[in-house]
Amino acid sequence: MRSAIITIGDEILIGQVTDTNAVWISQQLNAYGIQVGEMVTVSDDAGQITNTLDRYMGHFDLVIMTGGLGPTSDDITKQTLADYFNSKMVMQPEVLEKITAYFKEVGRSMLEVNRLQAEVPEDCMVLINDHGTAPGMWFEKEGTILVSMPGVPYEMKGLMEDRVIPELVKRIEMPLVVHKTILTQGVPESYLAAMLRDWEKDLPDCVKLAYLPRPGIVRLRLTLVDNCASDADQILEKLIGKLLKIMPEHIFGYDDMSLEESLGVLLRERGLSLASAESCTGGTIASMITSVPGSSDYYTGSVIAYNNRIKTEILGVDPSIIEEKGAVCREVVEQMARGIRAAYGTDTSIATSGIAGPGGGSEEKPVGTTWICVQYGDRSFARKYRFSGNRERVIIQASNTALQLLRRVLLNTI
């Protein structure tokens, strides 16, 4: 089954809003073996929406459309679809009842524009939205299913999971597809591909491999189809077993697990506490760790020692070392890690100091130069890195690397 995704919204085309919907929808469809052939973003213009539909209807089995279903004058998708399918607008009592109940619950008066959201093209199947006021719509024409949903991510995801996927599963025989993602850190994509050349060459024909890089992390997605999907557990056990022999120190988890979750599992299992002292990463490590529910079980807190005075007065870094070698050096991060651990009384610590850019670099210490230190028990491990990319990428790479470095120390793989 081939599909296409249409995102509607001027705010996306002018860069005011990032389209995360299309990526998420694509992930859901791929999980069910539905291939996404095209993604396109069009403006809130009836002519452009109609032209896009003319290109897709009859050429794709499924078209998913998001956006333009709100109550304001620029939300024209619903009327455009009614015109496209030569359908008149009719009031849906069930939708109107839900909208009325919603406004009563929040204690606000319902305006006429809100009531009109209960009107839909007569020829569509209404998809009740339990997460908002705009219903979804399901059309069929020329062998193509067209689904229109709100652009608000929370509402769209709810409709997709509650209505769209179950309806597709009921109507269409989905191919058997299994996805497994192996999460790695510490090896760039090109080096990882070289490292896994022989392993990749031995993959069964019905197993597909994709390298999915992000700053500091590369995801290896295995897609198993046909006979491989029916024997997925056995095949994956064998393939992952070989991977663990090739690079055990670089694999930190599987599927949707984040690096910070993986570290948290280790700390909680071992009953260990953690504190961090951040300079160049500016609190990103603390933010990542505390994004995990329950992280207060093991994470004590952080000091953002951006100014050298904080390094010396709060963390106890020797000012003469900063004066002699600068803030970006082994000795400074070692003393930062020791200082935060002593101040917060934790079992482990992380410290970072570097040059995130775009300025501040030198020939000796170019932009991206970063020192990271982690400490656990009587072990102190400091390492120098050179990260590439813009400021944001350097900070993310440094933060991911720091978390993985502590994992490796805890696992005794360094």
Protein backbone atom coordinates (compact mmCIF):
# COMPACT_ATOMS: atom_id res chain seq x y z
CA MET A 1 0.00 0.00 0.00
CA ARG A 2 1.43 3.37 -1.06
CA SER A 3 0.58 6.58 0.74
CA ALA A 4 1.23 10.31 0.62
CA ILE A 5 1.13 12.98 3.32
CA ILE A 6 -0.14 16.52 2.74
CA THR A 7 0.50 19.20 5.34
CA ILE A 8 -1.50 22.41 5.00
CA GLY A 9 -0.45 25.69 6.56
CA ASP A 10 1.15 29.02 5.66
CA GLU A 11 2.81 29.06 9.10
CA ILE A 12 4.88 26.03 8.09
CA LEU A 13 5.88 27.43 4.69
CA ILE A 14 7.18 30.67 6.22
CA GLY A 15 9.16 28.78 8.86
CA GLN A 16 7.08 29.94 11.81
CA VAL A 17 6.14 26.39 12.80
CA THR A 18 8.05 23.14 12.29
CA ASP A 19 6.07 20.32 10.73
CA THR A 20 6.46 17.39 13.12
CA ASN A 21 3.16 15.83 12.06
CA ALA A 22 4.39 14.40 8.76
CA VAL A 23 7.35 12.68 10.41
CA TRP A 24 5.19 11.14 13.12
CA ILE A 25 2.52 10.00 10.65
CA SER A 26 5.19 8.45 8.44
CA GLN A 27 6.55 6.49 11.40
CA GLN A 28 3.09 5.14 12.23
CA LEU A 29 2.35 4.13 8.65
CA ASN A 30 5.73 2.45 8.20
CA ALA A 31 5.15 0.45 11.37
CA TYR A 32 2.16 -1.11 9.62
CA GLY A 33 4.00 -1.71 6.36
CA ILE A 34 2.43 1.24 4.53
CA GLN A 35 5.03 2.88 2.29
CA VAL A 36 5.11 6.69 2.21
CA GLY A 37 5.88 7.79 -1.33
CA GLU A 38 5.61 11.57 -1.00
CA MET A 39 5.29 14.36 1.55
CA VAL A 40 4.26 17.87 0.57
CA THR A 41 3.38 21.12 2.34
CA VAL A 42 0.92 23.52 0.71
CA SER A 43 -0.46 26.90 1.70
CA ASP A 44 -3.93 27.70 2.97
CA ASP A 45 -5.14 28.22 -0.58
CA ALA A 46 -8.06 26.32 -2.11
CA GLY A 47 -6.46 26.21 -5.56
CA GLN A 48 -3.20 24.73 -4.28
CA ILE A 49 -4.99 22.18 -2.13
CA THR A 50 -7.17 21.14 -5.07
CA ASN A 51 -4.20 20.87 -7.45
CA THR A 52 -2.36 18.68 -4.95
CA LEU A 53 -5.38 16.41 -4.56
CA ASP A 54 -5.65 16.09 -8.35
CA ARG A 55 -2.06 14.81 -8.41
CA TYR A 56 -2.57 12.30 -5.60
CA MET A 57 -6.12 10.96 -5.89
CA GLY A 58 -6.13 7.79 -7.95
CA HIS A 59 -2.32 7.53 -7.78
CA PHE A 60 -1.90 6.62 -4.11
CA ASP A 61 -3.86 4.12 -2.05
CA LEU A 62 -3.93 6.40 0.97
CA VAL A 63 -3.54 10.16 1.40
CA ILE A 64 -3.25 11.66 4.88
CA MET A 65 -3.92 15.40 5.13
CA THR A 66 -3.44 17.58 8.21
CA GLY A 67 -4.26 21.22 8.94
CA GLY A 68 -6.81 23.88 8.14
CA LEU A 69 -9.73 22.51 10.19
CA GLY A 70 -9.85 25.18 12.88
CA PRO A 71 -12.64 27.73 13.47
CA THR A 72 -10.95 30.81 11.96
CA SER A 73 -11.35 32.30 8.50
CA ASP A 74 -7.99 31.01 7.23
CA ASP A 75 -9.00 27.39 7.96
CA ILE A 76 -10.41 26.49 4.55
CA THR A 77 -9.61 22.78 4.24
CA LYS A 78 -13.08 21.49 5.11
CA GLN A 79 -14.91 23.67 2.59
CA THR A 80 -12.28 22.94 -0.05
CA LEU A 81 -12.81 19.20 0.46
CA ALA A 82 -16.59 19.63 0.23
CA ASP A 83 -16.17 21.43 -3.09
CA TYR A 84 -13.66 18.85 -4.35
CA PHE A 85 -16.00 15.93 -3.64
CA ASN A 86 -19.11 17.85 -4.83
CA SER A 87 -20.62 17.46 -1.39
CA LYS A 88 -22.78 19.83 0.63
CA MET A 89 -22.04 20.67 4.26
CA VAL A 90 -24.29 19.04 6.87
CA MET A 91 -24.46 19.33 10.64
CA GLN A 92 -23.32 16.27 12.56
CA PRO A 93 -25.33 16.06 15.82
CA GLU A 94 -22.80 13.81 17.59
CA VAL A 95 -19.97 16.24 16.85
CA LEU A 96 -22.08 19.23 17.88
CA GLU A 97 -22.91 17.49 21.16
CA LYS A 98 -19.22 16.92 21.90
CA ILE A 99 -18.31 20.53 21.07
CA THR A 100 -21.15 21.86 23.26
CA ALA A 101 -20.08 19.64 26.14
CA TYR A 102 -16.48 20.78 25.76
CA PHE A 103 -17.33 24.49 26.06
CA LYS A 104 -19.61 23.80 29.01
CA GLU A 105 -16.84 21.88 30.75
CA VAL A 106 -14.28 24.69 30.34
CA GLY A 107 -16.86 27.33 31.31
CA ARG A 108 -16.73 29.34 28.09
CA SER A 109 -19.46 30.51 25.73
CA MET A 110 -19.61 28.67 22.41
CA LEU A 111 -19.43 31.01 19.43
CA GLU A 112 -21.05 30.44 16.04
CA VAL A 113 -17.65 29.62 14.50
CA ASN A 114 -17.27 26.85 17.06
CA ARG A 115 -20.73 25.46 16.31
CA LEU A 116 -19.87 25.41 12.59
CA GLN A 117 -17.01 23.01 13.31
CA ALA A 118 -19.71 20.34 13.64
CA GLU A 119 -20.53 20.78 9.94
CA VAL A 120 -18.80 18.33 7.60
CA PRO A 121 -19.14 17.32 3.94
CA GLU A 122 -22.10 14.97 3.57
CA ASP A 123 -20.14 12.32 1.68
CA CYS A 124 -17.42 11.77 4.29
CA MET A 125 -17.23 9.34 7.17
CA VAL A 126 -16.82 11.42 10.32
CA LEU A 127 -13.90 10.58 12.62
CA ILE A 128 -14.91 11.68 16.11
CA ASN A 129 -12.16 13.70 17.80
CA ASP A 130 -11.96 12.90 21.52
CA HIS A 131 -9.09 15.34 21.99
CA GLY A 132 -10.47 18.56 20.45
CA THR A 133 -13.36 20.22 18.66
CA ALA A 134 -12.50 19.60 14.98
CA PRO A 135 -13.59 16.17 13.66
CA GLY A 136 -11.55 14.19 11.20
CA MET A 137 -12.96 13.16 7.81
CA TRP A 138 -12.60 9.99 5.72
CA PHE A 139 -13.28 10.12 1.97
CA GLU A 140 -12.91 7.48 -0.75
CA LYS A 141 -12.58 8.24 -4.47
CA GLU A 142 -10.85 6.67 -7.48
CA GLY A 143 -9.45 3.86 -5.33
CA THR A 144 -7.84 6.32 -2.90
CA ILE A 145 -8.65 6.79 0.78
CA LEU A 146 -8.28 10.42 1.84
CA VAL A 147 -8.12 11.19 5.56
CA SER A 148 -8.22 14.80 6.78
CA MET A 149 -7.24 15.59 10.38
CA PRO A 150 -6.53 18.71 12.47
CA GLY A 151 -3.00 20.06 12.44
CA VAL A 152 -2.72 20.34 16.23
CA PRO A 153 -0.28 17.47 17.01
CA TYR A 154 -2.08 16.33 20.16
CA GLU A 155 -5.42 16.10 18.35
CA MET A 156 -3.94 14.58 15.20
CA LYS A 157 -2.11 11.84 17.11
CA GLY A 158 -5.24 10.98 19.07
CA LEU A 159 -7.32 10.68 15.89
CA MET A 160 -4.65 8.64 14.16
CA GLU A 161 -4.39 6.17 17.02
CA ASP A 162 -8.08 6.06 18.00
CA ARG A 163 -9.77 6.15 14.58
CA VAL A 164 -7.54 6.06 11.51
CA ILE A 165 -5.22 3.12 12.22
CA PRO A 166 -8.01 0.86 13.56
CA GLU A 167 -10.13 1.64 10.48
CA LEU A 168 -7.22 0.88 8.14
CA VAL A 169 -6.48 -2.38 9.93
CA LYS A 170 -10.16 -3.35 9.65
CA ARG A 171 -10.43 -2.58 5.93
CA ILE A 172 -7.02 -3.49 4.53
CA GLU A 173 -4.88 -6.57 4.82
CA MET A 174 -1.70 -5.16 6.28
CA PRO A 175 1.61 -6.80 5.37
CA LEU A 176 3.50 -8.40 8.23
CA VAL A 177 6.32 -5.98 9.10
CA VAL A 178 8.55 -5.85 12.17
CA HIS A 179 10.83 -2.93 13.02
CA LYS A 180 13.69 -3.03 15.51
CA THR A 181 15.95 -0.08 16.23
CA ILE A 182 19.39 -0.46 17.82
CA LEU A 183 20.63 2.76 19.43
CA THR A 184 24.33 3.60 19.32
CA GLN A 185 26.51 6.45 20.55
CA GLY A 186 30.13 7.33 20.03
CA VAL A 187 30.69 6.25 16.42
CA PRO A 188 29.93 8.54 13.44
CA GLU A 189 27.70 7.11 10.73
CA SER A 190 30.45 6.53 8.16
CA TYR A 191 32.73 4.80 10.68
CA LEU A 192 29.83 2.72 11.94
CA ALA A 193 29.01 1.59 8.40
CA ALA A 194 32.63 0.53 7.89
CA MET A 195 32.66 -1.28 11.22
CA LEU A 196 29.49 -3.19 10.32
CA ARG A 197 30.29 -3.92 6.67
CA ASP A 198 30.60 -7.69 7.08
CA TRP A 199 27.63 -7.88 9.47
CA GLU A 200 25.49 -5.93 7.01
CA LYS A 201 26.61 -8.11 4.10
CA ASP A 202 25.32 -11.20 5.93
CA LEU A 203 21.82 -9.81 6.55
CA PRO A 204 19.01 -11.98 5.10
CA ASP A 205 17.42 -10.58 1.92
CA CYS A 206 14.16 -9.90 3.75
CA VAL A 207 15.89 -7.72 6.37
CA LYS A 208 16.50 -4.08 5.45
CA LEU A 209 18.93 -1.82 7.32
CA ALA A 210 18.74 1.97 7.60
CA TYR A 211 21.26 4.29 9.30
CA LEU A 212 19.43 7.15 11.03
CA PRO A 213 21.91 9.69 12.43
CA ARG A 214 21.28 12.56 14.81
CA PRO A 215 23.87 14.63 16.74
CA GLY A 216 26.02 12.20 18.70
CA ILE A 217 23.75 9.21 18.06
CA VAL A 218 23.18 6.79 15.19
CA ARG A 219 20.09 4.57 15.13
CA LEU A 220 20.24 1.29 13.23
CA ARG A 221 16.71 0.42 12.08
CA LEU A 222 16.11 -3.16 11.01
CA THR A 223 12.93 -3.79 9.01
CA LEU A 224 11.84 -7.41 8.70
CA VAL A 225 9.27 -8.36 6.07
CA ASP A 226 7.72 -11.54 4.68
CA ASN A 227 9.21 -14.73 6.18
CA CYS A 228 11.66 -12.73 8.28
CA ALA A 229 8.80 -10.95 10.03
CA SER A 230 7.16 -14.23 11.02
CA ASP A 231 10.47 -15.42 12.53
CA ALA A 232 11.42 -11.98 13.86
CA ASP A 233 12.32 -12.93 17.44
CA GLN A 234 14.77 -15.63 16.41
CA ILE A 235 16.36 -13.56 13.62
CA LEU A 236 16.71 -10.43 15.76
CA GLU A 237 18.25 -12.35 18.63
CA LYS A 238 20.92 -13.66 16.28
CA LEU A 239 21.60 -10.33 14.55
CA ILE A 240 21.73 -8.29 17.76
CA GLY A 241 23.91 -10.93 19.39
CA LYS A 242 26.49 -10.44 16.64
CA LEU A 243 26.25 -6.66 17.01
CA LEU A 244 26.90 -6.88 20.74
CA LYS A 245 30.11 -8.78 20.02
CA ILE A 246 31.26 -6.17 17.47
CA MET A 247 30.55 -2.99 19.49
CA PRO A 248 29.11 -3.70 22.96
CA GLU A 249 30.34 -0.40 24.35
CA HIS A 250 28.44 1.70 21.81
CA ILE A 251 24.93 0.20 22.08
CA PHE A 252 22.86 1.89 24.78
CA GLY A 253 19.33 0.73 24.05
CA TYR A 254 16.62 -0.25 21.61
CA ASP A 255 13.61 1.27 19.87
CA ASP A 256 12.34 4.44 21.59
CA MET A 257 14.63 4.43 24.64
CA SER A 258 16.61 7.65 25.05
CA LEU A 259 20.20 7.82 26.24
CA GLU A 260 19.11 9.61 29.41
CA GLU A 261 16.55 6.86 30.11
CA SER A 262 19.21 4.21 29.58
CA LEU A 263 21.56 5.92 32.04
CA GLY A 264 18.71 6.34 34.52
CA VAL A 265 17.97 2.62 34.45
CA LEU A 266 21.59 1.86 35.36
CA LEU A 267 21.70 4.40 38.18
CA ARG A 268 18.39 3.25 39.66
CA GLU A 269 19.28 -0.45 39.45
CA ARG A 270 22.54 0.18 41.28
CA GLY A 271 21.14 2.65 43.79
CA LEU A 272 23.55 5.40 42.69
CA SER A 273 23.13 9.18 42.72
CA LEU A 274 24.35 11.71 40.15
CA ALA A 275 25.11 15.44 39.96
CA SER A 276 26.43 17.48 37.06
CA ALA A 277 28.60 20.57 36.60
CA GLU A 278 28.13 22.13 33.17
CA SER A 279 29.94 24.90 31.39
CA CYS A 280 29.68 24.64 27.59
CA THR A 281 26.56 22.46 27.71
CA GLY A 282 24.75 25.14 29.70
CA GLY A 283 22.29 22.89 31.55
CA THR A 284 21.42 20.63 28.61
CA ILE A 285 22.61 17.54 30.48
CA ALA A 286 20.46 18.46 33.48
CA SER A 287 17.47 19.08 31.20
CA MET A 288 17.91 15.71 29.47
CA ILE A 289 18.20 13.79 32.73
CA THR A 290 15.23 15.50 34.38
CA SER A 291 13.05 14.92 31.31
CA VAL A 292 12.82 11.29 32.48
CA PRO A 293 9.94 10.71 34.93
CA GLY A 294 11.24 9.61 38.32
CA SER A 295 14.77 10.92 37.74
CA SER A 296 14.67 12.50 41.20
CA ASP A 297 15.34 8.97 42.46
CA TYR A 298 18.94 9.28 41.34
CA TYR A 299 19.60 12.83 40.11
CA THR A 300 20.46 15.41 42.77
CA GLY A 301 21.06 18.57 40.75
CA SER A 302 23.46 20.67 38.74
CA VAL A 303 25.62 23.77 38.75
CA ILE A 304 25.87 25.69 35.48
CA ALA A 305 29.39 27.02 35.90
CA TYR A 306 29.40 29.19 32.81
CA ASN A 307 31.50 31.93 34.37
CA ASN A 308 34.94 31.00 35.64
CA ARG A 309 34.12 32.60 39.01
CA ILE A 310 31.49 29.90 39.56
CA LYS A 311 34.04 27.23 38.72
CA THR A 312 36.45 28.54 41.33
CA GLU A 313 34.14 29.82 44.08
CA ILE A 314 31.41 27.16 43.95
CA LEU A 315 33.17 24.10 42.54
CA GLY A 316 36.63 24.69 43.99
CA VAL A 317 38.58 24.79 40.72
CA ASP A 318 42.10 26.14 41.24
CA PRO A 319 42.18 29.65 39.67
CA SER A 320 45.85 29.26 38.79
CA ILE A 321 45.02 26.35 36.49
CA ILE A 322 42.45 28.43 34.61
CA GLU A 323 44.95 31.27 34.37
CA GLU A 324 47.68 28.96 33.09
CA LYS A 325 45.75 26.54 30.86
CA GLY A 326 42.34 28.13 30.34
CA ALA A 327 38.95 26.75 31.38
CA VAL A 328 38.94 24.08 28.67
CA CYS A 329 41.40 21.49 29.91
CA ARG A 330 41.60 18.17 31.72
CA GLU A 331 42.42 19.58 35.13
CA VAL A 332 39.46 21.96 35.15
CA VAL A 333 36.81 19.34 34.33
CA GLU A 334 38.35 16.90 36.80
CA GLN A 335 38.11 19.50 39.57
CA MET A 336 34.58 20.49 38.46
CA ALA A 337 33.48 16.85 38.67
CA ARG A 338 35.12 16.44 42.06
CA GLY A 339 33.67 19.72 43.34
CA ILE A 340 30.04 19.03 42.35
CA ARG A 341 30.25 15.53 43.77
CA ALA A 342 31.57 16.81 47.09
CA ALA A 343 29.04 19.67 47.24
CA TYR A 344 26.03 17.46 46.50
CA GLY A 345 27.25 14.25 48.15
CA THR A 346 26.63 12.01 45.14
CA ASP A 347 28.09 8.69 44.05
CA THR A 348 28.77 9.86 40.50
CA SER A 349 29.28 13.12 38.64
CA ILE A 350 29.59 14.60 35.16
CA ALA A 351 31.46 17.79 34.21
CA THR A 352 31.84 19.57 30.87
CA SER A 353 33.91 22.49 29.63
CA GLY A 354 34.39 23.43 26.00
CA ILE A 355 34.03 25.89 23.15
CA ALA A 356 30.58 25.58 21.58
CA GLY A 357 31.10 28.45 19.13
CA PRO A 358 30.61 30.08 16.81
CA GLY A 359 33.41 32.25 18.28
CA GLY A 360 35.97 31.73 21.01
CA GLY A 361 38.11 29.15 19.28
CA SER A 362 41.84 29.25 18.64
CA GLU A 363 44.41 27.26 16.72
CA GLU A 364 45.21 25.29 19.84
CA LYS A 365 41.56 24.92 20.90
CA PRO A 366 39.28 25.23 17.86
CA VAL A 367 35.50 25.53 18.12
CA GLY A 368 34.04 22.19 19.18
CA THR A 369 36.90 21.33 21.54
CA THR A 370 35.32 19.87 24.68
CA TRP A 371 36.63 18.21 27.81
CA ILE A 372 34.30 15.82 29.65
CA CYS A 373 34.95 14.16 32.99
CA VAL A 374 32.89 11.54 34.79
CA GLN A 375 33.61 10.17 38.24
CA TYR A 376 32.39 7.09 40.08
CA GLY A 377 33.84 5.61 43.22
CA ASP A 378 37.60 6.09 43.06
CA ARG A 379 37.54 6.28 39.25
CA SER A 380 37.92 9.57 37.41
CA PHE A 381 37.82 9.47 33.65
CA ALA A 382 38.44 12.62 31.56
CA ARG A 383 38.53 12.76 27.78
CA LYS A 384 39.00 15.43 25.15
CA TYR A 385 36.69 15.61 22.11
CA ARG A 386 36.38 17.71 19.00
CA PHE A 387 32.76 18.04 17.91
CA SER A 388 31.70 19.50 14.57
CA GLY A 389 28.73 21.53 13.43
CA ASN A 390 27.02 24.65 14.71
CA ARG A 391 26.65 25.65 18.36
CA GLU A 392 23.49 23.62 18.91
CA ARG A 393 25.00 20.45 17.42
CA VAL A 394 28.18 20.81 19.49
CA ILE A 395 26.14 21.14 22.70
CA ILE A 396 23.92 18.15 21.89
CA GLN A 397 26.88 15.98 20.87
CA ALA A 398 28.76 16.91 24.05
CA SER A 399 25.72 16.18 26.22
CA ASN A 400 25.05 12.78 24.62
CA THR A 401 28.71 11.87 24.82
CA ALA A 402 28.85 12.78 28.51
CA LEU A 403 25.87 10.57 29.35
CA GLN A 404 27.31 7.67 27.40
CA LEU A 405 30.71 8.14 29.00
CA LEU A 406 29.19 7.71 32.45
CA ARG A 407 27.28 4.64 31.24
CA ARG A 408 30.50 3.08 30.04
CA VAL A 409 32.27 3.80 33.31
CA LEU A 410 29.40 2.23 35.24
CA LEU A 411 29.46 -0.80 32.93
CA ASN A 412 33.26 -0.98 33.18
CA THR A 413 33.71 -0.94 29.38
CA ILE A 414 36.45 1.71 29.53
